[in-house]
Amino acid sequence: MDLSIVEEILGDAFLVHCTSDNARAFSLAKELRPALVLLDMMPPGDDGLAICQRMRADRTLHDAVIIIVSAKAMPKERENGLLAGADAYITKPFDEDELLLTVQQHLPI
């Protein structure tokens, strides 16, 4: 996921913290307790499904909105993301309006 694009799209309306490593994302989320987390399915470190499951199992992160962003677009892959606990699944390349709308549906500005 191109983090600079995500920051550009969401940065005006939300406080955005980024990392390109999902294992770091988990520890950062535990520290910051965000309302929403965007997870890439295939970053360095743990895969997005494993991190999503860890977040859902963690008492402090259980209620965070999780949106998976992935180049994997097959129906079974989307289903796996949702079964892992994601609230939404967006495929790459994503449209900027789609990302913003999906975030706003879960976290109205």
PDB file of N, CA and C in Angstrom:
ATOM      1  N   MET A   1       0.857  -1.167   0.000  1.00  0.00           N
ATOM      2  CA  MET A   1       0.000   0.000   0.000  1.00  0.00           C
ATOM      3  C   MET A   1       0.902   1.229   0.000  1.00  0.00           C
ATOM      4  N   ASP A   2       0.591   2.181  -0.835  1.00  0.00           N
ATOM      5  CA  ASP A   2       1.374   3.409  -0.885  1.00  0.00           C
ATOM      6  C   ASP A   2       0.916   4.312   0.261  1.00  0.00           C
ATOM      7  N   LEU A   3       1.718   4.353   1.306  1.00  0.00           N
ATOM      8  CA  LEU A   3       1.332   5.075   2.520  1.00  0.00           C
ATOM      9  C   LEU A   3       1.193   6.569   2.301  1.00  0.00           C
ATOM     10  N   SER A   4       1.985   7.142   1.399  1.00  0.00           N
ATOM     11  CA  SER A   4       1.874   8.577   1.157  1.00  0.00           C
ATOM     12  C   SER A   4       0.520   8.918   0.528  1.00  0.00           C
ATOM     13  N   ILE A   5      -0.006   8.029  -0.307  1.00  0.00           N
ATOM     14  CA  ILE A   5      -1.324   8.255  -0.899  1.00  0.00           C
ATOM     15  C   ILE A   5      -2.409   8.166   0.168  1.00  0.00           C
ATOM     16  N   VAL A   6      -2.292   7.186   1.038  1.00  0.00           N
ATOM     17  CA  VAL A   6      -3.265   7.039   2.133  1.00  0.00           C
ATOM     18  C   VAL A   6      -3.247   8.277   3.017  1.00  0.00           C
ATOM     19  N   GLU A   7      -2.059   8.754   3.354  1.00  0.00           N
ATOM     20  CA  GLU A   7      -1.954   9.971   4.170  1.00  0.00           C
ATOM     21  C   GLU A   7      -2.566  11.171   3.457  1.00  0.00           C
ATOM     22  N   GLU A   8      -2.341  11.263   2.150  1.00  0.00           N
ATOM     23  CA  GLU A   8      -2.893  12.381   1.383  1.00  0.00           C
ATOM     24  C   GLU A   8      -4.428  12.332   1.358  1.00  0.00           C
ATOM     25  N   ILE A   9      -4.983  11.140   1.174  1.00  0.00           N
ATOM     26  CA  ILE A   9      -6.433  10.989   1.083  1.00  0.00           C
ATOM     27  C   ILE A   9      -7.108  11.229   2.429  1.00  0.00           C
ATOM     28  N   LEU A  10      -6.537  10.693   3.479  1.00  0.00           N
ATOM     29  CA  LEU A  10      -7.209  10.720   4.786  1.00  0.00           C
ATOM     30  C   LEU A  10      -6.682  11.786   5.744  1.00  0.00           C
ATOM     31  N   GLY A  11      -5.510  12.336   5.447  1.00  0.00           N
ATOM     32  CA  GLY A  11      -4.836  13.235   6.376  1.00  0.00           C
ATOM     33  C   GLY A  11      -5.553  14.516   6.715  1.00  0.00           C
ATOM     34  N   ASP A  12      -6.393  15.016   5.822  1.00  0.00           N
ATOM     35  CA  ASP A  12      -7.114  16.256   6.110  1.00  0.00           C
ATOM     36  C   ASP A  12      -8.238  16.046   7.125  1.00  0.00           C
ATOM     37  N   ALA A  13      -8.814  14.853   7.120  1.00  0.00           N
ATOM     38  CA  ALA A  13      -9.970  14.592   7.983  1.00  0.00           C
ATOM     39  C   ALA A  13      -9.630  13.770   9.220  1.00  0.00           C
ATOM     40  N   PHE A  14      -8.505  13.053   9.196  1.00  0.00           N
ATOM     41  CA  PHE A  14      -8.168  12.138  10.278  1.00  0.00           C
ATOM     42  C   PHE A  14      -6.694  12.279  10.655  1.00  0.00           C
ATOM     43  N   LEU A  15      -6.390  11.962  11.893  1.00  0.00           N
ATOM     44  CA  LEU A  15      -5.001  11.842  12.332  1.00  0.00           C
ATOM     45  C   LEU A  15      -4.520  10.480  11.854  1.00  0.00           C
ATOM     46  N   VAL A  16      -3.476  10.456  11.021  1.00  0.00           N
ATOM     47  CA  VAL A  16      -3.021   9.228  10.378  1.00  0.00           C
ATOM     48  C   VAL A  16      -1.622   8.869  10.870  1.00  0.00           C
ATOM     49  N   HIS A  17      -1.450   7.607  11.277  1.00  0.00           N
ATOM     50  CA  HIS A  17      -0.141   7.060  11.631  1.00  0.00           C
ATOM     51  C   HIS A  17       0.087   5.884  10.684  1.00  0.00           C
ATOM     52  N   CYS A  18       1.259   5.816  10.085  1.00  0.00           N
ATOM     53  CA  CYS A  18       1.534   4.779   9.088  1.00  0.00           C
ATOM     54  C   CYS A  18       2.779   3.979   9.439  1.00  0.00           C
ATOM     55  N   THR A  19       2.733   2.716   9.062  1.00  0.00           N
ATOM     56  CA  THR A  19       3.903   1.860   9.078  1.00  0.00           C
ATOM     57  C   THR A  19       3.731   0.854   7.946  1.00  0.00           C
ATOM     58  N   SER A  20       4.828   0.431   7.359  1.00  0.00           N
ATOM     59  CA  SER A  20       4.755  -0.517   6.250  1.00  0.00           C
ATOM     60  C   SER A  20       4.915  -1.962   6.707  1.00  0.00           C
ATOM     61  N   ASP A  21       4.979  -2.199   7.990  1.00  0.00           N
ATOM     62  CA  ASP A  21       5.193  -3.531   8.553  1.00  0.00           C
ATOM     63  C   ASP A  21       4.008  -3.873   9.457  1.00  0.00           C
ATOM     64  N   ASN A  22       3.272  -4.943   9.122  1.00  0.00           N
ATOM     65  CA  ASN A  22       2.083  -5.278   9.901  1.00  0.00           C
ATOM     66  C   ASN A  22       2.385  -5.661  11.344  1.00  0.00           C
ATOM     67  N   ALA A  23       3.543  -6.269  11.606  1.00  0.00           N
ATOM     68  CA  ALA A  23       3.893  -6.574  12.989  1.00  0.00           C
ATOM     69  C   ALA A  23       4.042  -5.270  13.778  1.00  0.00           C
ATOM     70  N   ARG A  24       4.651  -4.288  13.177  1.00  0.00           N
ATOM     71  CA  ARG A  24       4.764  -2.965  13.804  1.00  0.00           C
ATOM     72  C   ARG A  24       3.388  -2.320  13.909  1.00  0.00           C
ATOM     73  N   ALA A  25       2.539  -2.558  12.926  1.00  0.00           N
ATOM     74  CA  ALA A  25       1.183  -2.008  12.961  1.00  0.00           C
ATOM     75  C   ALA A  25       0.441  -2.507  14.192  1.00  0.00           C
ATOM     76  N   PHE A  26       0.627  -3.767  14.541  1.00  0.00           N
ATOM     77  CA  PHE A  26      -0.044  -4.317  15.716  1.00  0.00           C
ATOM     78  C   PHE A  26       0.428  -3.610  16.984  1.00  0.00           C
ATOM     79  N   SER A  27       1.737  -3.472  17.149  1.00  0.00           N
ATOM     80  CA  SER A  27       2.245  -2.818  18.356  1.00  0.00           C
ATOM     81  C   SER A  27       1.884  -1.334  18.378  1.00  0.00           C
ATOM     82  N   LEU A  28       1.896  -0.681  17.220  1.00  0.00           N
ATOM     83  CA  LEU A  28       1.509   0.723  17.144  1.00  0.00           C
ATOM     84  C   LEU A  28       0.020   0.886  17.486  1.00  0.00           C
ATOM     85  N   ALA A  29      -0.797  -0.016  16.987  1.00  0.00           N
ATOM     86  CA  ALA A  29      -2.229   0.029  17.299  1.00  0.00           C
ATOM     87  C   ALA A  29      -2.476  -0.192  18.785  1.00  0.00           C
ATOM     88  N   LYS A  30      -1.742  -1.102  19.399  1.00  0.00           N
ATOM     89  CA  LYS A  30      -1.894  -1.322  20.845  1.00  0.00           C
ATOM     90  C   LYS A  30      -1.540  -0.066  21.622  1.00  0.00           C
ATOM     91  N   GLU A  31      -0.525   0.633  21.158  1.00  0.00           N
ATOM     92  CA  GLU A  31      -0.083   1.858  21.816  1.00  0.00           C
ATOM     93  C   GLU A  31      -1.078   3.007  21.611  1.00  0.00           C
ATOM     94  N   LEU A  32      -1.560   3.181  20.371  1.00  0.00           N
ATOM     95  CA  LEU A  32      -2.392   4.333  20.028  1.00  0.00           C
ATOM     96  C   LEU A  32      -3.892   4.094  20.181  1.00  0.00           C
ATOM     97  N   ARG A  33      -4.306   2.837  20.139  1.00  0.00           N
ATOM     98  CA  ARG A  33      -5.725   2.462  20.208  1.00  0.00           C
ATOM     99  C   ARG A  33      -6.575   3.244  19.204  1.00  0.00           C
ATOM    100  N   PRO A  34      -6.297   3.075  17.934  1.00  0.00           N
ATOM    101  CA  PRO A  34      -7.022   3.842  16.904  1.00  0.00           C
ATOM    102  C   PRO A  34      -8.460   3.364  16.755  1.00  0.00           C
ATOM    103  N   ALA A  35      -9.278   4.231  16.212  1.00  0.00           N
ATOM    104  CA  ALA A  35     -10.658   3.873  15.912  1.00  0.00           C
ATOM    105  C   ALA A  35     -10.723   3.024  14.643  1.00  0.00           C
ATOM    106  N   LEU A  36      -9.725   3.201  13.758  1.00  0.00           N
ATOM    107  CA  LEU A  36      -9.721   2.498  12.483  1.00  0.00           C
ATOM    108  C   LEU A  36      -8.304   2.110  12.100  1.00  0.00           C
ATOM    109  N   VAL A  37      -8.171   0.918  11.508  1.00  0.00           N
ATOM    110  CA  VAL A  37      -6.876   0.416  11.046  1.00  0.00           C
ATOM    111  C   VAL A  37      -7.034  -0.044   9.598  1.00  0.00           C
ATOM    112  N   LEU A  38      -6.130   0.410   8.730  1.00  0.00           N
ATOM    113  CA  LEU A  38      -6.037  -0.117   7.368  1.00  0.00           C
ATOM    114  C   LEU A  38      -4.908  -1.131   7.358  1.00  0.00           C
ATOM    115  N   LEU A  39      -5.191  -2.348   6.924  1.00  0.00           N
ATOM    116  CA  LEU A  39      -4.180  -3.404   6.869  1.00  0.00           C
ATOM    117  C   LEU A  39      -3.964  -3.851   5.435  1.00  0.00           C
ATOM    118  N   ASP A  40      -2.705  -3.990   5.062  1.00  0.00           N
ATOM    119  CA  ASP A  40      -2.355  -4.568   3.773  1.00  0.00           C
ATOM    120  C   ASP A  40      -2.274  -6.080   3.956  1.00  0.00           C
ATOM    121  N   MET A  41      -2.740  -6.828   2.975  1.00  0.00           N
ATOM    122  CA  MET A  41      -2.707  -8.286   3.076  1.00  0.00           C
ATOM    123  C   MET A  41      -1.306  -8.865   2.924  1.00  0.00           C
ATOM    124  N   MET A  42      -0.426  -8.189   2.175  1.00  0.00           N
ATOM    125  CA  MET A  42       0.864  -8.791   1.856  1.00  0.00           C
ATOM    126  C   MET A  42       2.034  -7.851   2.118  1.00  0.00           C
ATOM    127  N   PRO A  43       2.154  -7.283   3.293  1.00  0.00           N
ATOM    128  CA  PRO A  43       3.294  -6.424   3.590  1.00  0.00           C
ATOM    129  C   PRO A  43       4.457  -7.250   4.127  1.00  0.00           C
ATOM    130  N   PRO A  44       5.578  -6.595   4.420  1.00  0.00           N
ATOM    131  CA  PRO A  44       6.651  -7.305   5.117  1.00  0.00           C
ATOM    132  C   PRO A  44       6.150  -7.736   6.503  1.00  0.00           C
ATOM    133  N   GLY A  45       6.675  -8.822   7.008  1.00  0.00           N
ATOM    134  CA  GLY A  45       6.259  -9.292   8.339  1.00  0.00           C
ATOM    135  C   GLY A  45       5.023 -10.160   8.232  1.00  0.00           C
ATOM    136  N   ASP A  46       4.236 -10.203   9.288  1.00  0.00           N
ATOM    137  CA  ASP A  46       3.036 -11.034   9.324  1.00  0.00           C
ATOM    138  C   ASP A  46       2.043 -10.616   8.251  1.00  0.00           C
ATOM    139  N   ASP A  47       1.270 -11.594   7.754  1.00  0.00           N
ATOM    140  CA  ASP A  47       0.279 -11.252   6.742  1.00  0.00           C
ATOM    141  C   ASP A  47      -0.913 -10.543   7.387  1.00  0.00           C
ATOM    142  N   GLY A  48      -1.665  -9.849   6.568  1.00  0.00           N
ATOM    143  CA  GLY A  48      -2.779  -9.046   7.052  1.00  0.00           C
ATOM    144  C   GLY A  48      -3.844  -9.850   7.771  1.00  0.00           C
ATOM    145  N   LEU A  49      -4.111 -11.076   7.309  1.00  0.00           N
ATOM    146  CA  LEU A  49      -5.116 -11.906   7.974  1.00  0.00           C
ATOM    147  C   LEU A  49      -4.697 -12.240   9.392  1.00  0.00           C
ATOM    148  N   ALA A  50      -3.428 -12.583   9.572  1.00  0.00           N
ATOM    149  CA  ALA A  50      -2.938 -12.925  10.915  1.00  0.00           C
ATOM    150  C   ALA A  50      -3.018 -11.720  11.845  1.00  0.00           C
ATOM    151  N   ILE A  51      -2.652 -10.554  11.361  1.00  0.00           N
ATOM    152  CA  ILE A  51      -2.715  -9.344  12.185  1.00  0.00           C
ATOM    153  C   ILE A  51      -4.163  -8.995  12.496  1.00  0.00           C
ATOM    154  N   CYS A  52      -5.037  -9.134  11.520  1.00  0.00           N
ATOM    155  CA  CYS A  52      -6.456  -8.859  11.732  1.00  0.00           C
ATOM    156  C   CYS A  52      -7.002  -9.771  12.833  1.00  0.00           C
ATOM    157  N   GLN A  53      -6.677 -11.042  12.770  1.00  0.00           N
ATOM    158  CA  GLN A  53      -7.124 -11.989  13.788  1.00  0.00           C
ATOM    159  C   GLN A  53      -6.546 -11.639  15.160  1.00  0.00           C
ATOM    160  N   ARG A  54      -5.272 -11.249  15.196  1.00  0.00           N
ATOM    161  CA  ARG A  54      -4.654 -10.847  16.473  1.00  0.00           C
ATOM    162  C   ARG A  54      -5.352  -9.625  17.048  1.00  0.00           C
ATOM    163  N   MET A  55      -5.688  -8.660  16.194  1.00  0.00           N
ATOM    164  CA  MET A  55      -6.370  -7.460  16.673  1.00  0.00           C
ATOM    165  C   MET A  55      -7.762  -7.794  17.207  1.00  0.00           C
ATOM    166  N   ARG A  56      -8.479  -8.654  16.517  1.00  0.00           N
ATOM    167  CA  ARG A  56      -9.813  -9.036  16.978  1.00  0.00           C
ATOM    168  C   ARG A  56      -9.753  -9.803  18.299  1.00  0.00           C
ATOM    169  N   ALA A  57      -8.670 -10.532  18.505  1.00  0.00           N
ATOM    170  CA  ALA A  57      -8.523 -11.307  19.733  1.00  0.00           C
ATOM    171  C   ALA A  57      -8.013 -10.466  20.903  1.00  0.00           C
ATOM    172  N   ASP A  58      -7.450  -9.302  20.611  1.00  0.00           N
ATOM    173  CA  ASP A  58      -6.875  -8.451  21.651  1.00  0.00           C
ATOM    174  C   ASP A  58      -7.963  -7.566  22.258  1.00  0.00           C
ATOM    175  N   ARG A  59      -8.074  -7.605  23.551  1.00  0.00           N
ATOM    176  CA  ARG A  59      -9.125  -6.862  24.259  1.00  0.00           C
ATOM    177  C   ARG A  59      -9.074  -5.368  23.991  1.00  0.00           C
ATOM    178  N   THR A  60      -7.886  -4.799  23.858  1.00  0.00           N
ATOM    179  CA  THR A  60      -7.765  -3.352  23.664  1.00  0.00           C
ATOM    180  C   THR A  60      -8.022  -2.915  22.229  1.00  0.00           C
ATOM    181  N   LEU A  61      -7.969  -3.843  21.275  1.00  0.00           N
ATOM    182  CA  LEU A  61      -8.151  -3.492  19.862  1.00  0.00           C
ATOM    183  C   LEU A  61      -9.413  -4.103  19.253  1.00  0.00           C
ATOM    184  N   HIS A  62     -10.107  -4.879  20.021  1.00  0.00           N
ATOM    185  CA  HIS A  62     -11.248  -5.642  19.521  1.00  0.00           C
ATOM    186  C   HIS A  62     -12.277  -4.785  18.791  1.00  0.00           C
ATOM    187  N   ASP A  63     -12.514  -3.577  19.263  1.00  0.00           N
ATOM    188  CA  ASP A  63     -13.565  -2.740  18.686  1.00  0.00           C
ATOM    189  C   ASP A  63     -13.097  -1.800  17.572  1.00  0.00           C
ATOM    190  N   ALA A  64     -11.832  -1.806  17.253  1.00  0.00           N
ATOM    191  CA  ALA A  64     -11.333  -0.953  16.167  1.00  0.00           C
ATOM    192  C   ALA A  64     -11.920  -1.416  14.834  1.00  0.00           C
ATOM    193  N   VAL A  65     -12.248  -0.478  13.981  1.00  0.00           N
ATOM    194  CA  VAL A  65     -12.680  -0.802  12.623  1.00  0.00           C
ATOM    195  C   VAL A  65     -11.434  -1.236  11.852  1.00  0.00           C
ATOM    196  N   ILE A  66     -11.519  -2.359  11.177  1.00  0.00           N
ATOM    197  CA  ILE A  66     -10.392  -2.860  10.390  1.00  0.00           C
ATOM    198  C   ILE A  66     -10.819  -2.945   8.932  1.00  0.00           C
ATOM    199  N   ILE A  67     -10.065  -2.264   8.085  1.00  0.00           N
ATOM    200  CA  ILE A  67     -10.288  -2.315   6.643  1.00  0.00           C
ATOM    201  C   ILE A  67      -9.047  -2.924   6.012  1.00  0.00           C
ATOM    202  N   ILE A  68      -9.230  -4.036   5.325  1.00  0.00           N
ATOM    203  CA  ILE A  68      -8.120  -4.672   4.619  1.00  0.00           C
ATOM    204  C   ILE A  68      -8.047  -4.074   3.216  1.00  0.00           C
ATOM    205  N   VAL A  69      -6.831  -3.742   2.801  1.00  0.00           N
ATOM    206  CA  VAL A  69      -6.560  -3.237   1.465  1.00  0.00           C
ATOM    207  C   VAL A  69      -5.624  -4.242   0.805  1.00  0.00           C
ATOM    208  N   SER A  70      -6.043  -4.784  -0.336  1.00  0.00           N
ATOM    209  CA  SER A  70      -5.271  -5.862  -0.929  1.00  0.00           C
ATOM    210  C   SER A  70      -5.373  -5.897  -2.443  1.00  0.00           C
ATOM    211  N   ALA A  71      -4.321  -6.395  -3.073  1.00  0.00           N
ATOM    212  CA  ALA A  71      -4.344  -6.653  -4.510  1.00  0.00           C
ATOM    213  C   ALA A  71      -5.063  -7.970  -4.797  1.00  0.00           C
ATOM    214  N   LYS A  72      -5.265  -8.770  -3.756  1.00  0.00           N
ATOM    215  CA  LYS A  72      -5.990 -10.037  -3.912  1.00  0.00           C
ATOM    216  C   LYS A  72      -7.480  -9.734  -4.022  1.00  0.00           C
ATOM    217  N   ALA A  73      -8.050 -10.035  -5.186  1.00  0.00           N
ATOM    218  CA  ALA A  73      -9.431  -9.619  -5.443  1.00  0.00           C
ATOM    219  C   ALA A  73     -10.398 -10.772  -5.680  1.00  0.00           C
ATOM    220  N   MET A  74      -9.929 -11.992  -5.527  1.00  0.00           N
ATOM    221  CA  MET A  74     -10.822 -13.130  -5.753  1.00  0.00           C
ATOM    222  C   MET A  74     -11.855 -13.199  -4.616  1.00  0.00           C
ATOM    223  N   PRO A  75     -13.054 -13.654  -4.922  1.00  0.00           N
ATOM    224  CA  PRO A  75     -14.097 -13.719  -3.889  1.00  0.00           C
ATOM    225  C   PRO A  75     -13.667 -14.469  -2.625  1.00  0.00           C
ATOM    226  N   LYS A  76     -12.961 -15.578  -2.766  1.00  0.00           N
ATOM    227  CA  LYS A  76     -12.527 -16.356  -1.593  1.00  0.00           C
ATOM    228  C   LYS A  76     -11.550 -15.554  -0.740  1.00  0.00           C
ATOM    229  N   GLU A  77     -10.685 -14.766  -1.376  1.00  0.00           N
ATOM    230  CA  GLU A  77      -9.724 -13.948  -0.632  1.00  0.00           C
ATOM    231  C   GLU A  77     -10.450 -12.850   0.140  1.00  0.00           C
ATOM    232  N   ARG A  78     -11.434 -12.245  -0.485  1.00  0.00           N
ATOM    233  CA  ARG A  78     -12.252 -11.233   0.194  1.00  0.00           C
ATOM    234  C   ARG A  78     -12.988 -11.873   1.377  1.00  0.00           C
ATOM    235  N   GLU A  79     -13.553 -13.049   1.129  1.00  0.00           N
ATOM    236  CA  GLU A  79     -14.266 -13.770   2.181  1.00  0.00           C
ATOM    237  C   GLU A  79     -13.328 -14.078   3.347  1.00  0.00           C
ATOM    238  N   ASN A  80     -12.111 -14.524   3.054  1.00  0.00           N
ATOM    239  CA  ASN A  80     -11.141 -14.825   4.109  1.00  0.00           C
ATOM    240  C   ASN A  80     -10.830 -13.590   4.951  1.00  0.00           C
ATOM    241  N   GLY A  81     -10.722 -12.436   4.303  1.00  0.00           N
ATOM    242  CA  GLY A  81     -10.475 -11.194   5.029  1.00  0.00           C
ATOM    243  C   GLY A  81     -11.614 -10.855   5.969  1.00  0.00           C
ATOM    244  N   LEU A  82     -12.828 -11.001   5.484  1.00  0.00           N
ATOM    245  CA  LEU A  82     -13.988 -10.705   6.328  1.00  0.00           C
ATOM    246  C   LEU A  82     -14.135 -11.729   7.445  1.00  0.00           C
ATOM    247  N   LEU A  83     -13.852 -12.995   7.149  1.00  0.00           N
ATOM    248  CA  LEU A  83     -13.913 -14.028   8.188  1.00  0.00           C
ATOM    249  C   LEU A  83     -12.827 -13.845   9.248  1.00  0.00           C
ATOM    250  N   ALA A  84     -11.716 -13.221   8.859  1.00  0.00           N
ATOM    251  CA  ALA A  84     -10.639 -12.951   9.823  1.00  0.00           C
ATOM    252  C   ALA A  84     -11.012 -11.816  10.768  1.00  0.00           C
ATOM    253  N   GLY A  85     -12.100 -11.103  10.441  1.00  0.00           N
ATOM    254  CA  GLY A  85     -12.555 -10.044  11.330  1.00  0.00           C
ATOM    255  C   GLY A  85     -12.559  -8.656  10.742  1.00  0.00           C
ATOM    256  N   ALA A  86     -12.198  -8.522   9.467  1.00  0.00           N
ATOM    257  CA  ALA A  86     -12.209  -7.194   8.840  1.00  0.00           C
ATOM    258  C   ALA A  86     -13.642  -6.699   8.696  1.00  0.00           C
ATOM    259  N   ASP A  87     -13.801  -5.402   8.844  1.00  0.00           N
ATOM    260  CA  ASP A  87     -15.112  -4.779   8.651  1.00  0.00           C
ATOM    261  C   ASP A  87     -15.373  -4.462   7.188  1.00  0.00           C
ATOM    262  N   ALA A  88     -14.313  -4.312   6.415  1.00  0.00           N
ATOM    263  CA  ALA A  88     -14.431  -4.014   4.991  1.00  0.00           C
ATOM    264  C   ALA A  88     -13.173  -4.503   4.285  1.00  0.00           C
ATOM    265  N   TYR A  89     -13.265  -4.640   2.981  1.00  0.00           N
ATOM    266  CA  TYR A  89     -12.167  -5.149   2.161  1.00  0.00           C
ATOM    267  C   TYR A  89     -12.151  -4.333   0.873  1.00  0.00           C
ATOM    268  N   ILE A  90     -11.062  -3.652   0.618  1.00  0.00           N
ATOM    269  CA  ILE A  90     -10.910  -2.831  -0.574  1.00  0.00           C
ATOM    270  C   ILE A  90      -9.773  -3.421  -1.411  1.00  0.00           C
ATOM    271  N   THR A  91     -10.007  -3.531  -2.718  1.00  0.00           N
ATOM    272  CA  THR A  91      -8.955  -4.070  -3.575  1.00  0.00           C
ATOM    273  C   THR A  91      -8.141  -2.952  -4.203  1.00  0.00           C
ATOM    274  N   LYS A  92      -6.859  -3.258  -4.424  1.00  0.00           N
ATOM    275  CA  LYS A  92      -5.942  -2.339  -5.089  1.00  0.00           C
ATOM    276  C   LYS A  92      -5.919  -2.651  -6.576  1.00  0.00           C
ATOM    277  N   PRO A  93      -5.696  -1.685  -7.395  1.00  0.00           N
ATOM    278  CA  PRO A  93      -5.564  -0.284  -7.016  1.00  0.00           C
ATOM    279  C   PRO A  93      -6.941   0.261  -6.648  1.00  0.00           C
ATOM    280  N   PHE A  94      -6.989   0.983  -5.558  1.00  0.00           N
ATOM    281  CA  PHE A  94      -8.269   1.516  -5.111  1.00  0.00           C
ATOM    282  C   PHE A  94      -8.443   2.944  -5.606  1.00  0.00           C
ATOM    283  N   ASP A  95      -9.685   3.301  -5.734  1.00  0.00           N
ATOM    284  CA  ASP A  95     -10.058   4.650  -6.098  1.00  0.00           C
ATOM    285  C   ASP A  95     -10.040   5.497  -4.818  1.00  0.00           C
ATOM    286  N   GLU A  96      -9.514   6.699  -4.895  1.00  0.00           N
ATOM    287  CA  GLU A  96      -9.425   7.558  -3.709  1.00  0.00           C
ATOM    288  C   GLU A  96     -10.793   7.788  -3.079  1.00  0.00           C
ATOM    289  N   ASP A  97     -11.803   8.017  -3.899  1.00  0.00           N
ATOM    290  CA  ASP A  97     -13.152   8.238  -3.380  1.00  0.00           C
ATOM    291  C   ASP A  97     -13.687   6.993  -2.681  1.00  0.00           C
ATOM    292  N   GLU A  98     -13.367   5.824  -3.211  1.00  0.00           N
ATOM    293  CA  GLU A  98     -13.804   4.574  -2.591  1.00  0.00           C
ATOM    294  C   GLU A  98     -13.194   4.422  -1.195  1.00  0.00           C
ATOM    295  N   LEU A  99     -11.908   4.708  -1.080  1.00  0.00           N
ATOM    296  CA  LEU A  99     -11.260   4.604   0.227  1.00  0.00           C
ATOM    297  C   LEU A  99     -11.881   5.581   1.215  1.00  0.00           C
ATOM    298  N   LEU A 100     -12.015   6.823   0.813  1.00  0.00           N
ATOM    299  CA  LEU A 100     -12.584   7.828   1.701  1.00  0.00           C
ATOM    300  C   LEU A 100     -14.022   7.476   2.084  1.00  0.00           C
ATOM    301  N   LEU A 101     -14.814   7.041   1.138  1.00  0.00           N
ATOM    302  CA  LEU A 101     -16.201   6.679   1.415  1.00  0.00           C
ATOM    303  C   LEU A 101     -16.274   5.490   2.378  1.00  0.00           C
ATOM    304  N   THR A 102     -15.445   4.499   2.165  1.00  0.00           N
ATOM    305  CA  THR A 102     -15.438   3.331   3.049  1.00  0.00           C
ATOM    306  C   THR A 102     -15.059   3.725   4.465  1.00  0.00           C
ATOM    307  N   VAL A 103     -14.056   4.558   4.606  1.00  0.00           N
ATOM    308  CA  VAL A 103     -13.656   5.032   5.936  1.00  0.00           C
ATOM    309  C   VAL A 103     -14.790   5.844   6.560  1.00  0.00           C
ATOM    310  N   GLN A 104     -15.392   6.720   5.786  1.00  0.00           N
ATOM    311  CA  GLN A 104     -16.469   7.561   6.315  1.00  0.00           C
ATOM    312  C   GLN A 104     -17.698   6.738   6.709  1.00  0.00           C
ATOM    313  N   GLN A 105     -17.938   5.639   6.029  1.00  0.00           N
ATOM    314  CA  GLN A 105     -19.065   4.781   6.395  1.00  0.00           C
ATOM    315  C   GLN A 105     -18.868   4.186   7.788  1.00  0.00           C
ATOM    316  N   HIS A 106     -17.629   3.955   8.140  1.00  0.00           N
ATOM    317  CA  HIS A 106     -17.331   3.349   9.434  1.00  0.00           C
ATOM    318  C   HIS A 106     -17.000   4.379  10.512  1.00  0.00           C
ATOM    319  N   LEU A 107     -16.499   5.533  10.090  1.00  0.00           N
ATOM    320  CA  LEU A 107     -16.134   6.611  11.010  1.00  0.00           C
ATOM    321  C   LEU A 107     -16.613   7.938  10.437  1.00  0.00           C
ATOM    322  N   PRO A 108     -17.854   8.266  10.582  1.00  0.00           N
ATOM    323  CA  PRO A 108     -18.324   9.539  10.014  1.00  0.00           C
ATOM    324  C   PRO A 108     -17.520  10.712  10.541  1.00  0.00           C
ATOM    325  N   ILE A 109     -17.226  11.648   9.644  1.00  0.00           N
ATOM    326  CA  ILE A 109     -16.450  12.836  10.015  1.00  0.00           C
ATOM    327  C   ILE A 109     -17.331  13.773  10.811  1.00  0.00           C
TER     328      ILE A 109
END
